Structure formats: C-alpha cells, structure tokens
C-alpha cells in the first residue's frame, strides 16, 4: 500500500519564513496523522530543514520512523550577508552551495547532514539533482553511495530529480533501491509514464513521488499559483481549473484526486507532500484518505484530461 510521507522543504523556509514552533508543530502533526517517513536535504534552507526535522524527531524512538536526505550540494560557510531567496529560501546566506558529487564530497556532505539531524544513520540517501553533473554522479557519487550502503551507514540509495530521463538511466544502469521523482507524474504531467515508471516496475525499483500538487497549482488553481517553482503558465492554470471543476462536480476535491492519482501507480511506494504548518499536514492527510468517485476518473479519461494508460485508483495493480 502506498504511504504518505512528509517533505521538509517547507520547514526550511521555502519561499517564506516559518518559525521554529510552526515547524515543530508541522512535524508533530505528521506524526499524529500516522506519517513515519520524512524527507529533507541540505539544500532546504541551507541546513535549516535538517536541523528542525532532527529536533522534532528526537522525541521518538529511532526505529519507529525513516529519514531520507540528499547529497550533491555541499554547504560551505559564507559571510552571512544577504538572504537565500534567489534559491527559494527565506534564510540568511550563512552558507553557499557547492556542487560536489565526488566520493569525498558525498561523505562530507552526509556527515554534516547527520550532525544537523542529530542521527548516526539515515535510511535513504539520494543524489540530489545531478542533471548537469551526470558524469561525476555516475562515475564517483553513485559508487560512493554503494560503499556507504555496504558499510551500513545508509539503508537505501537512489537519486532524486525533477526529470525522468536521467532517473530512468539510474534505474536501468545501477543498483539503486529507490528514486524520488518530483512533479513528473501528476494530474498535469504524466511524462514519467513513458520511461521511468515502466523501468522501475521491470527492475523492482521503488519510486517516491514528490510534487503531487506541481508546486501548488493542483492544490489551489489560480492565476498567481506556482508550477514547478515558478509562476504557472496560463494554459496550465486553465487545465487545473477544468480538473477542479470536474472534481467538484463529483463531490470531491482536486487535492484528494491529485494525491490519489499519484498513489495509484503500482511502482509508487510513497507520495511525498511538502507542508509548513500543522493545518497543511492535517489537510493533506485527510485528502489522502478521501476516496475519489470512480465517475470522476471515468470523466477524465473520456474527456482526454488523463491518458488511457495511466493506472487509476481501484484498478488491478498487478
């Protein structure tokens, strides 16, 4: 059964500031809702997300939850002047990111993450956005993760990206356990259906889906909404509004449908939702548990809003 997981970019001050108290309340709400998988990265708020997540999870026994983090962006101290909004985070620029997929860089980055999290191990480590560094990621970064897995420092290894082509290569050409695909299998974008998801099923590789709401457009369709971290194009806003109208006509919500669609593919083991407050966590959990009427899916297929090959909730997943 596909599980709901907590994405911790929001508590790293993605776009806007979140207080320590709000961040702690969001993680506490996730725990109360039965969420036991948590994802973070050094990139999220220049380490703030990892520190806040680790502090909140310290209240629970280590063997009762899983944590994933990422490597590839190493943090180096900076002078702290200015902010990090150019990278999307409302924090002081206390550090700068250095792309580093070398074996030494992987270990140094992971060691620093463990320190911020207050943990001696993490369950999953992803190579984070190696789009422009594929050669080094495959030649040095991936073998370094294999060694860390063999040493027991990490449980699972993989790659996390916003594209499918390179993730598919990781699935086919390496022994990754899991891949994290953000935004490429949603009600607005099914591109992962052509390469990544079939390859993952064939190889038995687990898939974690992020970006179920495509940065917010599918959560609240409106002209100022974001899609893939920037202002949504007008045509996509129109498509999202059509989807919302169909959902409301069938007595459900677009948020519930967006999460259910992601969870329905048989290769998907977790749907990762980002939240910055307890209220957002509670809403996501409620939407995730809400059954979506079969007639809604039928109308999407009949009107061409979804392709015929996309698995739907309730269909045979074998």
C-alpha atoms as a PDB file:
ATOM      1  CA  UNK A   1       0.000   0.000   0.000  1.00  0.00           C
ATOM      2  CA  UNK A   2       1.305   3.458  -0.914  1.00  0.00           C
ATOM      3  CA  UNK A   3       2.151   5.614   2.115  1.00  0.00           C
ATOM      4  CA  UNK A   4       2.036   9.352   2.686  1.00  0.00           C
ATOM      5  CA  UNK A   5       5.414  10.907   3.524  1.00  0.00           C
ATOM      6  CA  UNK A   6       6.425  14.322   4.896  1.00  0.00           C
ATOM      7  CA  UNK A   7       8.556  16.622   2.740  1.00  0.00           C
ATOM      8  CA  UNK A   8      10.530  19.051   4.873  1.00  0.00           C
ATOM      9  CA  UNK A   9      11.434  21.767   2.351  1.00  0.00           C
ATOM     10  CA  UNK A  10       8.639  23.948   3.737  1.00  0.00           C
ATOM     11  CA  UNK A  11      10.055  23.933   7.257  1.00  0.00           C
ATOM     12  CA  UNK A  12      13.340  25.063   5.724  1.00  0.00           C
ATOM     13  CA  UNK A  13      11.620  28.378   4.936  1.00  0.00           C
ATOM     14  CA  UNK A  14      10.769  27.618   1.315  1.00  0.00           C
ATOM     15  CA  UNK A  15       9.553  30.938  -0.150  1.00  0.00           C
ATOM     16  CA  UNK A  16       8.554  32.395   3.246  1.00  0.00           C
ATOM     17  CA  UNK A  17       9.680  32.224   6.864  1.00  0.00           C
ATOM     18  CA  UNK A  18       8.341  29.579   9.233  1.00  0.00           C
ATOM     19  CA  UNK A  19       9.029  29.821  12.959  1.00  0.00           C
ATOM     20  CA  UNK A  20      10.699  27.039  14.928  1.00  0.00           C
ATOM     21  CA  UNK A  21       7.396  26.499  16.719  1.00  0.00           C
ATOM     22  CA  UNK A  22       5.420  26.202  13.473  1.00  0.00           C
ATOM     23  CA  UNK A  23       7.967  23.789  12.039  1.00  0.00           C
ATOM     24  CA  UNK A  24       7.859  21.613  15.150  1.00  0.00           C
ATOM     25  CA  UNK A  25       4.051  21.647  15.079  1.00  0.00           C
ATOM     26  CA  UNK A  26       4.051  20.516  11.439  1.00  0.00           C
ATOM     27  CA  UNK A  27       6.261  17.507  12.180  1.00  0.00           C
ATOM     28  CA  UNK A  28       4.192  16.719  15.296  1.00  0.00           C
ATOM     29  CA  UNK A  29       1.015  16.826  13.214  1.00  0.00           C
ATOM     30  CA  UNK A  30       2.573  14.465  10.671  1.00  0.00           C
ATOM     31  CA  UNK A  31       3.372  12.028  13.457  1.00  0.00           C
ATOM     32  CA  UNK A  32      -0.148  12.315  14.850  1.00  0.00           C
ATOM     33  CA  UNK A  33      -1.531  11.536  11.391  1.00  0.00           C
ATOM     34  CA  UNK A  34       0.488   8.317  11.224  1.00  0.00           C
ATOM     35  CA  UNK A  35       3.204   9.569   8.883  1.00  0.00           C
ATOM     36  CA  UNK A  36       6.501   7.821   9.600  1.00  0.00           C
ATOM     37  CA  UNK A  37       8.621   8.715   6.550  1.00  0.00           C
ATOM     38  CA  UNK A  38      10.368  12.103   6.433  1.00  0.00           C
ATOM     39  CA  UNK A  39      12.444  13.639   3.638  1.00  0.00           C
ATOM     40  CA  UNK A  40      14.877  16.539   3.839  1.00  0.00           C
ATOM     41  CA  UNK A  41      18.087  17.891   2.246  1.00  0.00           C
ATOM     42  CA  UNK A  42      20.961  20.291   2.993  1.00  0.00           C
ATOM     43  CA  UNK A  43      19.649  22.443   0.131  1.00  0.00           C
ATOM     44  CA  UNK A  44      16.426  23.189   2.039  1.00  0.00           C
ATOM     45  CA  UNK A  45      17.125  26.392   3.903  1.00  0.00           C
ATOM     46  CA  UNK A  46      20.903  25.864   3.969  1.00  0.00           C
ATOM     47  CA  UNK A  47      20.550  23.094   6.549  1.00  0.00           C
ATOM     48  CA  UNK A  48      17.645  24.625   8.484  1.00  0.00           C
ATOM     49  CA  UNK A  49      15.232  21.902   7.388  1.00  0.00           C
ATOM     50  CA  UNK A  50      17.546  19.143   8.620  1.00  0.00           C
ATOM     51  CA  UNK A  51      18.082  20.836  11.981  1.00  0.00           C
ATOM     52  CA  UNK A  52      14.378  21.391  12.556  1.00  0.00           C
ATOM     53  CA  UNK A  53      13.384  17.918  11.421  1.00  0.00           C
ATOM     54  CA  UNK A  54      16.021  16.268  13.599  1.00  0.00           C
ATOM     55  CA  UNK A  55      14.948  18.289  16.640  1.00  0.00           C
ATOM     56  CA  UNK A  56      11.289  17.305  16.205  1.00  0.00           C
ATOM     57  CA  UNK A  57      12.007  13.626  15.602  1.00  0.00           C
ATOM     58  CA  UNK A  58      14.256  13.390  18.656  1.00  0.00           C
ATOM     59  CA  UNK A  59      11.113  12.863  20.717  1.00  0.00           C
ATOM     60  CA  UNK A  60      10.510   9.463  19.086  1.00  0.00           C
ATOM     61  CA  UNK A  61      12.417   6.159  19.147  1.00  0.00           C
ATOM     62  CA  UNK A  62      14.806   5.946  16.182  1.00  0.00           C
ATOM     63  CA  UNK A  63      13.462   2.633  14.914  1.00  0.00           C
ATOM     64  CA  UNK A  64       9.899   3.971  14.575  1.00  0.00           C
ATOM     65  CA  UNK A  65      10.476   6.272  11.564  1.00  0.00           C
ATOM     66  CA  UNK A  66      12.570   6.638   8.416  1.00  0.00           C
ATOM     67  CA  UNK A  67      14.544   9.670   7.249  1.00  0.00           C
ATOM     68  CA  UNK A  68      15.903  10.431   3.805  1.00  0.00           C
ATOM     69  CA  UNK A  69      18.322  13.202   2.918  1.00  0.00           C
ATOM     70  CA  UNK A  70      20.372  14.130  -0.122  1.00  0.00           C
ATOM     71  CA  UNK A  71      23.926  14.685  -1.309  1.00  0.00           C
ATOM     72  CA  UNK A  72      25.432  16.613  -4.187  1.00  0.00           C
ATOM     73  CA  UNK A  73      25.165  20.145  -2.811  1.00  0.00           C
ATOM     74  CA  UNK A  74      27.854  20.620  -0.182  1.00  0.00           C
ATOM     75  CA  UNK A  75      27.426  23.587   2.176  1.00  0.00           C
ATOM     76  CA  UNK A  76      30.383  25.859   2.792  1.00  0.00           C
ATOM     77  CA  UNK A  77      30.384  28.779   5.272  1.00  0.00           C
ATOM     78  CA  UNK A  78      29.705  32.216   3.782  1.00  0.00           C
ATOM     79  CA  UNK A  79      29.789  35.710   5.236  1.00  0.00           C
ATOM     80  CA  UNK A  80      26.069  35.621   6.055  1.00  0.00           C
ATOM     81  CA  UNK A  81      25.210  38.885   4.331  1.00  0.00           C
ATOM     82  CA  UNK A  82      22.035  38.921   2.309  1.00  0.00           C
ATOM     83  CA  UNK A  83      19.449  36.182   2.002  1.00  0.00           C
ATOM     84  CA  UNK A  84      18.955  32.965   0.064  1.00  0.00           C
ATOM     85  CA  UNK A  85      15.756  33.929  -1.765  1.00  0.00           C
ATOM     86  CA  UNK A  86      17.496  33.550  -5.110  1.00  0.00           C
ATOM     87  CA  UNK A  87      17.464  29.821  -4.336  1.00  0.00           C
ATOM     88  CA  UNK A  88      13.913  29.953  -2.981  1.00  0.00           C
ATOM     89  CA  UNK A  89      14.557  30.022   0.772  1.00  0.00           C
ATOM     90  CA  UNK A  90      13.865  32.837   3.216  1.00  0.00           C
ATOM     91  CA  UNK A  91      17.022  32.406   5.297  1.00  0.00           C
ATOM     92  CA  UNK A  92      20.261  34.315   5.809  1.00  0.00           C
ATOM     93  CA  UNK A  93      23.024  33.332   3.418  1.00  0.00           C
ATOM     94  CA  UNK A  94      25.171  31.783   6.147  1.00  0.00           C
ATOM     95  CA  UNK A  95      26.453  29.173   3.705  1.00  0.00           C
ATOM     96  CA  UNK A  96      26.878  28.701  -0.012  1.00  0.00           C
ATOM     97  CA  UNK A  97      26.127  25.593  -2.018  1.00  0.00           C
ATOM     98  CA  UNK A  98      28.923  23.844  -3.885  1.00  0.00           C
ATOM     99  CA  UNK A  99      28.034  21.162  -6.408  1.00  0.00           C
ATOM    100  CA  UNK A 100      30.059  18.118  -5.383  1.00  0.00           C
ATOM    101  CA  UNK A 101      29.375  14.544  -6.448  1.00  0.00           C
ATOM    102  CA  UNK A 102      32.892  13.308  -5.646  1.00  0.00           C
ATOM    103  CA  UNK A 103      33.297  10.395  -3.251  1.00  0.00           C
ATOM    104  CA  UNK A 104      34.880  12.686  -0.651  1.00  0.00           C
ATOM    105  CA  UNK A 105      32.169  15.292  -1.159  1.00  0.00           C
ATOM    106  CA  UNK A 106      29.427  12.698  -0.703  1.00  0.00           C
ATOM    107  CA  UNK A 107      30.856  11.542   2.639  1.00  0.00           C
ATOM    108  CA  UNK A 108      31.498  15.070   3.893  1.00  0.00           C
ATOM    109  CA  UNK A 109      28.001  16.186   2.940  1.00  0.00           C
ATOM    110  CA  UNK A 110      26.377  13.181   4.585  1.00  0.00           C
ATOM    111  CA  UNK A 111      28.465  13.582   7.752  1.00  0.00           C
ATOM    112  CA  UNK A 112      27.334  17.195   8.016  1.00  0.00           C
ATOM    113  CA  UNK A 113      23.711  16.164   7.490  1.00  0.00           C
ATOM    114  CA  UNK A 114      23.945  13.554  10.239  1.00  0.00           C
ATOM    115  CA  UNK A 115      25.283  16.238  12.561  1.00  0.00           C
ATOM    116  CA  UNK A 116      22.407  18.605  11.782  1.00  0.00           C
ATOM    117  CA  UNK A 117      19.842  15.814  12.113  1.00  0.00           C
ATOM    118  CA  UNK A 118      21.412  14.505  15.300  1.00  0.00           C
ATOM    119  CA  UNK A 119      21.442  10.961  13.914  1.00  0.00           C
ATOM    120  CA  UNK A 120      24.091   8.297  13.443  1.00  0.00           C
ATOM    121  CA  UNK A 121      22.465   6.961  10.263  1.00  0.00           C
ATOM    122  CA  UNK A 122      19.799   7.763   7.727  1.00  0.00           C
ATOM    123  CA  UNK A 123      17.563   5.289   5.975  1.00  0.00           C
ATOM    124  CA  UNK A 124      17.840   6.676   2.434  1.00  0.00           C
ATOM    125  CA  UNK A 125      20.309   8.953   0.656  1.00  0.00           C
ATOM    126  CA  UNK A 126      19.579  10.424  -2.767  1.00  0.00           C
ATOM    127  CA  UNK A 127      21.953  12.007  -5.260  1.00  0.00           C
ATOM    128  CA  UNK A 128      20.225  15.396  -5.477  1.00  0.00           C
ATOM    129  CA  UNK A 129      19.591  16.958  -8.903  1.00  0.00           C
ATOM    130  CA  UNK A 130      22.680  15.675 -10.756  1.00  0.00           C
ATOM    131  CA  UNK A 131      21.229  16.973 -14.063  1.00  0.00           C
ATOM    132  CA  UNK A 132      24.331  18.934 -15.086  1.00  0.00           C
ATOM    133  CA  UNK A 133      26.780  16.640 -13.285  1.00  0.00           C
ATOM    134  CA  UNK A 134      25.744  13.239 -14.607  1.00  0.00           C
ATOM    135  CA  UNK A 135      29.266  12.093 -15.437  1.00  0.00           C
ATOM    136  CA  UNK A 136      30.620  12.720 -11.958  1.00  0.00           C
ATOM    137  CA  UNK A 137      27.446  11.415 -10.315  1.00  0.00           C
ATOM    138  CA  UNK A 138      27.686   8.064 -12.102  1.00  0.00           C
ATOM    139  CA  UNK A 139      31.482   7.795 -12.008  1.00  0.00           C
ATOM    140  CA  UNK A 140      32.094   8.896  -8.392  1.00  0.00           C
ATOM    141  CA  UNK A 141      28.917   9.732  -6.496  1.00  0.00           C
ATOM    142  CA  UNK A 142      26.986   6.546  -7.096  1.00  0.00           C
ATOM    143  CA  UNK A 143      29.881   4.179  -6.209  1.00  0.00           C
ATOM    144  CA  UNK A 144      30.379   6.195  -3.006  1.00  0.00           C
ATOM    145  CA  UNK A 145      26.742   5.578  -2.089  1.00  0.00           C
ATOM    146  CA  UNK A 146      27.182   1.868  -2.810  1.00  0.00           C
ATOM    147  CA  UNK A 147      30.065   1.767  -0.334  1.00  0.00           C
ATOM    148  CA  UNK A 148      28.049   3.636   2.300  1.00  0.00           C
ATOM    149  CA  UNK A 149      25.214   1.152   1.856  1.00  0.00           C
ATOM    150  CA  UNK A 150      27.621  -1.780   2.191  1.00  0.00           C
ATOM    151  CA  UNK A 151      29.023  -0.236   5.388  1.00  0.00           C
ATOM    152  CA  UNK A 152      25.528   0.138   6.846  1.00  0.00           C
ATOM    153  CA  UNK A 153      25.766   3.924   7.114  1.00  0.00           C
ATOM    154  CA  UNK A 154      22.653   4.158   4.940  1.00  0.00           C
ATOM    155  CA  UNK A 155      19.920   1.654   4.219  1.00  0.00           C
ATOM    156  CA  UNK A 156      18.801   2.605   0.710  1.00  0.00           C
ATOM    157  CA  UNK A 157      20.448   4.645  -2.042  1.00  0.00           C
ATOM    158  CA  UNK A 158      18.999   6.420  -5.010  1.00  0.00           C
ATOM    159  CA  UNK A 159      18.610   9.669  -6.929  1.00  0.00           C
ATOM    160  CA  UNK A 160      16.095  12.490  -6.686  1.00  0.00           C
ATOM    161  CA  UNK A 161      15.274  14.771  -9.614  1.00  0.00           C
ATOM    162  CA  UNK A 162      12.622  16.779 -11.429  1.00  0.00           C
ATOM    163  CA  UNK A 163      13.152  14.895 -14.698  1.00  0.00           C
ATOM    164  CA  UNK A 164      12.672  11.305 -15.810  1.00  0.00           C
ATOM    165  CA  UNK A 165      15.363  10.577 -18.406  1.00  0.00           C
ATOM    166  CA  UNK A 166      18.330  10.532 -16.026  1.00  0.00           C
ATOM    167  CA  UNK A 167      16.328   8.830 -13.275  1.00  0.00           C
ATOM    168  CA  UNK A 168      15.452   6.098 -15.771  1.00  0.00           C
ATOM    169  CA  UNK A 169      19.157   5.676 -16.510  1.00  0.00           C
ATOM    170  CA  UNK A 170      19.843   5.244 -12.793  1.00  0.00           C
ATOM    171  CA  UNK A 171      17.126   2.581 -12.617  1.00  0.00           C
ATOM    172  CA  UNK A 172      18.414   0.687 -15.661  1.00  0.00           C
ATOM    173  CA  UNK A 173      22.175   1.058 -15.254  1.00  0.00           C
ATOM    174  CA  UNK A 174      22.771   0.961 -11.489  1.00  0.00           C
ATOM    175  CA  UNK A 175      21.606  -0.902  -8.408  1.00  0.00           C
ATOM    176  CA  UNK A 176      19.664   1.955  -6.796  1.00  0.00           C
ATOM    177  CA  UNK A 177      16.973   0.902  -4.351  1.00  0.00           C
ATOM    178  CA  UNK A 178      14.680   3.867  -4.881  1.00  0.00           C
ATOM    179  CA  UNK A 179      14.252   7.036  -6.937  1.00  0.00           C
ATOM    180  CA  UNK A 180      12.483  10.250  -5.993  1.00  0.00           C
ATOM    181  CA  UNK A 181      10.688  11.836  -8.933  1.00  0.00           C
ATOM    182  CA  UNK A 182       9.227  15.308  -8.374  1.00  0.00           C
ATOM    183  CA  UNK A 183       6.449  16.732 -10.499  1.00  0.00           C
ATOM    184  CA  UNK A 184       6.668  14.368 -13.442  1.00  0.00           C
ATOM    185  CA  UNK A 185       3.742  12.131 -12.557  1.00  0.00           C
ATOM    186  CA  UNK A 186       0.750  14.241 -11.630  1.00  0.00           C
ATOM    187  CA  UNK A 187      -2.685  15.113 -12.944  1.00  0.00           C
ATOM    188  CA  UNK A 188      -0.962  17.737 -15.108  1.00  0.00           C
ATOM    189  CA  UNK A 189       2.177  15.869 -16.198  1.00  0.00           C
ATOM    190  CA  UNK A 190       2.375  12.135 -16.840  1.00  0.00           C
ATOM    191  CA  UNK A 191       5.784  12.110 -18.554  1.00  0.00           C
ATOM    192  CA  UNK A 192       7.144   9.504 -16.093  1.00  0.00           C
ATOM    193  CA  UNK A 193       4.650   7.069 -17.583  1.00  0.00           C
ATOM    194  CA  UNK A 194       6.705   6.772 -20.768  1.00  0.00           C
ATOM    195  CA  UNK A 195      10.056   5.707 -19.315  1.00  0.00           C
ATOM    196  CA  UNK A 196      10.681   5.860 -15.562  1.00  0.00           C
ATOM    197  CA  UNK A 197       7.665   4.060 -14.149  1.00  0.00           C
ATOM    198  CA  UNK A 198       7.777   1.103 -16.592  1.00  0.00           C
ATOM    199  CA  UNK A 199      11.534   0.724 -15.969  1.00  0.00           C
ATOM    200  CA  UNK A 200      11.032   0.827 -12.195  1.00  0.00           C
ATOM    201  CA  UNK A 201       8.362  -1.864 -12.375  1.00  0.00           C
ATOM    202  CA  UNK A 202      10.593  -4.039 -14.536  1.00  0.00           C
ATOM    203  CA  UNK A 203      13.587  -3.701 -12.209  1.00  0.00           C
ATOM    204  CA  UNK A 204      11.623  -3.734  -8.955  1.00  0.00           C
ATOM    205  CA  UNK A 205      12.916  -0.267  -8.026  1.00  0.00           C
ATOM    206  CA  UNK A 206      10.790   1.695  -5.583  1.00  0.00           C
ATOM    207  CA  UNK A 207       9.501   5.112  -6.641  1.00  0.00           C
ATOM    208  CA  UNK A 208       8.764   8.000  -4.292  1.00  0.00           C
ATOM    209  CA  UNK A 209       6.687  10.716  -5.929  1.00  0.00           C
ATOM    210  CA  UNK A 210       7.100  14.332  -4.911  1.00  0.00           C
ATOM    211  CA  UNK A 211       5.374  17.398  -6.288  1.00  0.00           C
ATOM    212  CA  UNK A 212       1.902  15.851  -6.422  1.00  0.00           C
ATOM    213  CA  UNK A 213       0.472  19.373  -6.471  1.00  0.00           C
ATOM    214  CA  UNK A 214       3.075  20.646  -9.001  1.00  0.00           C
ATOM    215  CA  UNK A 215       4.356  23.313  -6.559  1.00  0.00           C
ATOM    216  CA  UNK A 216       0.840  24.361  -5.586  1.00  0.00           C
ATOM    217  CA  UNK A 217      -1.144  24.686  -8.809  1.00  0.00           C
ATOM    218  CA  UNK A 218      -3.113  21.498  -8.138  1.00  0.00           C
ATOM    219  CA  UNK A 219      -3.695  22.468  -4.514  1.00  0.00           C
ATOM    220  CA  UNK A 220      -5.199  25.859  -5.314  1.00  0.00           C
ATOM    221  CA  UNK A 221      -5.563  26.649  -9.041  1.00  0.00           C
ATOM    222  CA  UNK A 222      -5.444  30.407  -9.645  1.00  0.00           C
ATOM    223  CA  UNK A 223      -3.524  32.792 -11.902  1.00  0.00           C
ATOM    224  CA  UNK A 224      -0.835  33.533  -9.283  1.00  0.00           C
ATOM    225  CA  UNK A 225      -0.214  29.857  -8.452  1.00  0.00           C
ATOM    226  CA  UNK A 226       3.212  28.263  -8.857  1.00  0.00           C
ATOM    227  CA  UNK A 227       4.026  25.393 -11.186  1.00  0.00           C
ATOM    228  CA  UNK A 228       7.497  23.806 -10.974  1.00  0.00           C
ATOM    229  CA  UNK A 229       8.632  26.518  -8.527  1.00  0.00           C
ATOM    230  CA  UNK A 230       7.668  29.457 -10.783  1.00  0.00           C
ATOM    231  CA  UNK A 231       4.507  31.269 -11.833  1.00  0.00           C
ATOM    232  CA  UNK A 232       2.194  28.843 -13.623  1.00  0.00           C
ATOM    233  CA  UNK A 233       1.632  29.302 -17.375  1.00  0.00           C
ATOM    234  CA  UNK A 234      -1.878  30.458 -18.251  1.00  0.00           C
ATOM    235  CA  UNK A 235      -2.754  27.292 -20.185  1.00  0.00           C
ATOM    236  CA  UNK A 236      -1.845  25.072 -17.227  1.00  0.00           C
ATOM    237  CA  UNK A 237      -3.893  27.226 -14.885  1.00  0.00           C
ATOM    238  CA  UNK A 238      -6.839  26.703 -17.225  1.00  0.00           C
ATOM    239  CA  UNK A 239      -6.303  22.947 -17.283  1.00  0.00           C
ATOM    240  CA  UNK A 240      -6.067  22.818 -13.485  1.00  0.00           C
ATOM    241  CA  UNK A 241      -9.289  24.806 -13.182  1.00  0.00           C
ATOM    242  CA  UNK A 242     -11.014  22.320 -15.506  1.00  0.00           C
ATOM    243  CA  UNK A 243      -9.805  19.462 -13.304  1.00  0.00           C
ATOM    244  CA  UNK A 244     -11.038  21.280 -10.208  1.00  0.00           C
ATOM    245  CA  UNK A 245     -14.475  21.790 -11.769  1.00  0.00           C
ATOM    246  CA  UNK A 246     -14.768  18.098 -12.598  1.00  0.00           C
ATOM    247  CA  UNK A 247     -13.742  17.187  -9.048  1.00  0.00           C
ATOM    248  CA  UNK A 248     -16.320  19.487  -7.502  1.00  0.00           C
ATOM    249  CA  UNK A 249     -18.998  18.197  -9.838  1.00  0.00           C
ATOM    250  CA  UNK A 250     -18.319  14.707  -8.487  1.00  0.00           C
ATOM    251  CA  UNK A 251     -18.335  15.824  -4.857  1.00  0.00           C
ATOM    252  CA  UNK A 252     -14.604  15.585  -4.224  1.00  0.00           C
ATOM    253  CA  UNK A 253     -11.580  17.901  -4.181  1.00  0.00           C
ATOM    254  CA  UNK A 254      -8.749  18.388  -6.625  1.00  0.00           C
ATOM    255  CA  UNK A 255      -6.275  17.859  -3.777  1.00  0.00           C
ATOM    256  CA  UNK A 256      -7.714  14.427  -2.981  1.00  0.00           C
ATOM    257  CA  UNK A 257      -7.677  13.483  -6.656  1.00  0.00           C
ATOM    258  CA  UNK A 258      -4.081  14.676  -7.124  1.00  0.00           C
ATOM    259  CA  UNK A 259      -2.836  12.530  -4.242  1.00  0.00           C
ATOM    260  CA  UNK A 260      -4.936   9.513  -5.221  1.00  0.00           C
ATOM    261  CA  UNK A 261      -3.659   9.628  -8.791  1.00  0.00           C
ATOM    262  CA  UNK A 262      -0.030   9.543  -7.647  1.00  0.00           C
ATOM    263  CA  UNK A 263      -0.675   6.716  -5.205  1.00  0.00           C
ATOM    264  CA  UNK A 264      -2.433   4.539  -7.778  1.00  0.00           C
ATOM    265  CA  UNK A 265       0.612   3.590  -9.857  1.00  0.00           C
ATOM    266  CA  UNK A 266       1.944   0.164  -8.805  1.00  0.00           C
ATOM    267  CA  UNK A 267       5.594   1.297  -8.830  1.00  0.00           C
ATOM    268  CA  UNK A 268       4.921   4.063  -6.317  1.00  0.00           C
ATOM    269  CA  UNK A 269       5.561   3.268  -2.648  1.00  0.00           C
ATOM    270  CA  UNK A 270       5.323   6.771  -1.137  1.00  0.00           C
ATOM    271  CA  UNK A 271       3.708  10.079  -2.027  1.00  0.00           C
ATOM    272  CA  UNK A 272       5.738  12.926  -0.589  1.00  0.00           C
ATOM    273  CA  UNK A 273       3.861  16.089   0.401  1.00  0.00           C
ATOM    274  CA  UNK A 274       5.514  19.297   1.500  1.00  0.00           C
ATOM    275  CA  UNK A 275       3.906  21.124   4.414  1.00  0.00           C
ATOM    276  CA  UNK A 276       4.886  24.125   6.516  1.00  0.00           C
ATOM    277  CA  UNK A 277       2.165  24.014   9.177  1.00  0.00           C
ATOM    278  CA  UNK A 278       0.100  21.585  11.221  1.00  0.00           C
ATOM    279  CA  UNK A 279      -3.014  22.683   9.320  1.00  0.00           C
ATOM    280  CA  UNK A 280      -1.447  21.829   5.964  1.00  0.00           C
ATOM    281  CA  UNK A 281      -0.340  18.424   7.253  1.00  0.00           C
ATOM    282  CA  UNK A 282      -3.801  17.661   8.621  1.00  0.00           C
ATOM    283  CA  UNK A 283      -5.412  18.680   5.339  1.00  0.00           C
ATOM    284  CA  UNK A 284      -3.042  16.556   3.243  1.00  0.00           C
ATOM    285  CA  UNK A 285      -3.629  13.539   5.461  1.00  0.00           C
ATOM    286  CA  UNK A 286      -7.397  13.986   5.257  1.00  0.00           C
ATOM    287  CA  UNK A 287      -7.296  14.389   1.474  1.00  0.00           C
ATOM    288  CA  UNK A 288      -5.053  11.327   1.127  1.00  0.00           C
ATOM    289  CA  UNK A 289      -7.629   9.221   2.986  1.00  0.00           C
ATOM    290  CA  UNK A 290     -10.586  10.551   0.970  1.00  0.00           C
ATOM    291  CA  UNK A 291     -11.912   8.116  -1.657  1.00  0.00           C
ATOM    292  CA  UNK A 292     -12.376   9.714  -5.081  1.00  0.00           C
ATOM    293  CA  UNK A 293     -15.507   8.618  -7.006  1.00  0.00           C
ATOM    294  CA  UNK A 294     -14.927   6.266  -9.921  1.00  0.00           C
ATOM    295  CA  UNK A 295     -17.095   8.516 -12.093  1.00  0.00           C
ATOM    296  CA  UNK A 296     -14.539  11.314 -11.681  1.00  0.00           C
ATOM    297  CA  UNK A 297     -11.769   9.185 -13.181  1.00  0.00           C
ATOM    298  CA  UNK A 298     -14.055   7.961 -15.919  1.00  0.00           C
ATOM    299  CA  UNK A 299     -14.851  11.537 -16.954  1.00  0.00           C
ATOM    300  CA  UNK A 300     -11.178  12.498 -17.014  1.00  0.00           C
ATOM    301  CA  UNK A 301     -10.443   9.648 -19.396  1.00  0.00           C
ATOM    302  CA  UNK A 302     -13.471  10.286 -21.582  1.00  0.00           C
ATOM    303  CA  UNK A 303     -12.621  13.979 -21.943  1.00  0.00           C
ATOM    304  CA  UNK A 304      -8.899  13.405 -22.544  1.00  0.00           C
ATOM    305  CA  UNK A 305      -7.803  15.045 -19.310  1.00  0.00           C
ATOM    306  CA  UNK A 306      -5.956  11.816 -18.488  1.00  0.00           C
ATOM    307  CA  UNK A 307      -4.296   9.343 -20.862  1.00  0.00           C
ATOM    308  CA  UNK A 308      -5.747   5.864 -21.222  1.00  0.00           C
ATOM    309  CA  UNK A 309      -2.543   4.219 -19.987  1.00  0.00           C
ATOM    310  CA  UNK A 310      -2.441   5.878 -16.580  1.00  0.00           C
ATOM    311  CA  UNK A 311      -3.389   3.455 -13.761  1.00  0.00           C
ATOM    312  CA  UNK A 312      -6.309   4.707 -11.714  1.00  0.00           C
ATOM    313  CA  UNK A 313      -7.412   4.020  -8.116  1.00  0.00           C
ATOM    314  CA  UNK A 314      -9.345   0.792  -7.827  1.00  0.00           C
ATOM    315  CA  UNK A 315      -7.871  -0.757 -10.954  1.00  0.00           C
ATOM    316  CA  UNK A 316      -5.910  -4.010 -10.843  1.00  0.00           C
ATOM    317  CA  UNK A 317      -2.329  -3.071  -9.899  1.00  0.00           C
ATOM    318  CA  UNK A 318      -0.774  -6.479 -10.577  1.00  0.00           C
END
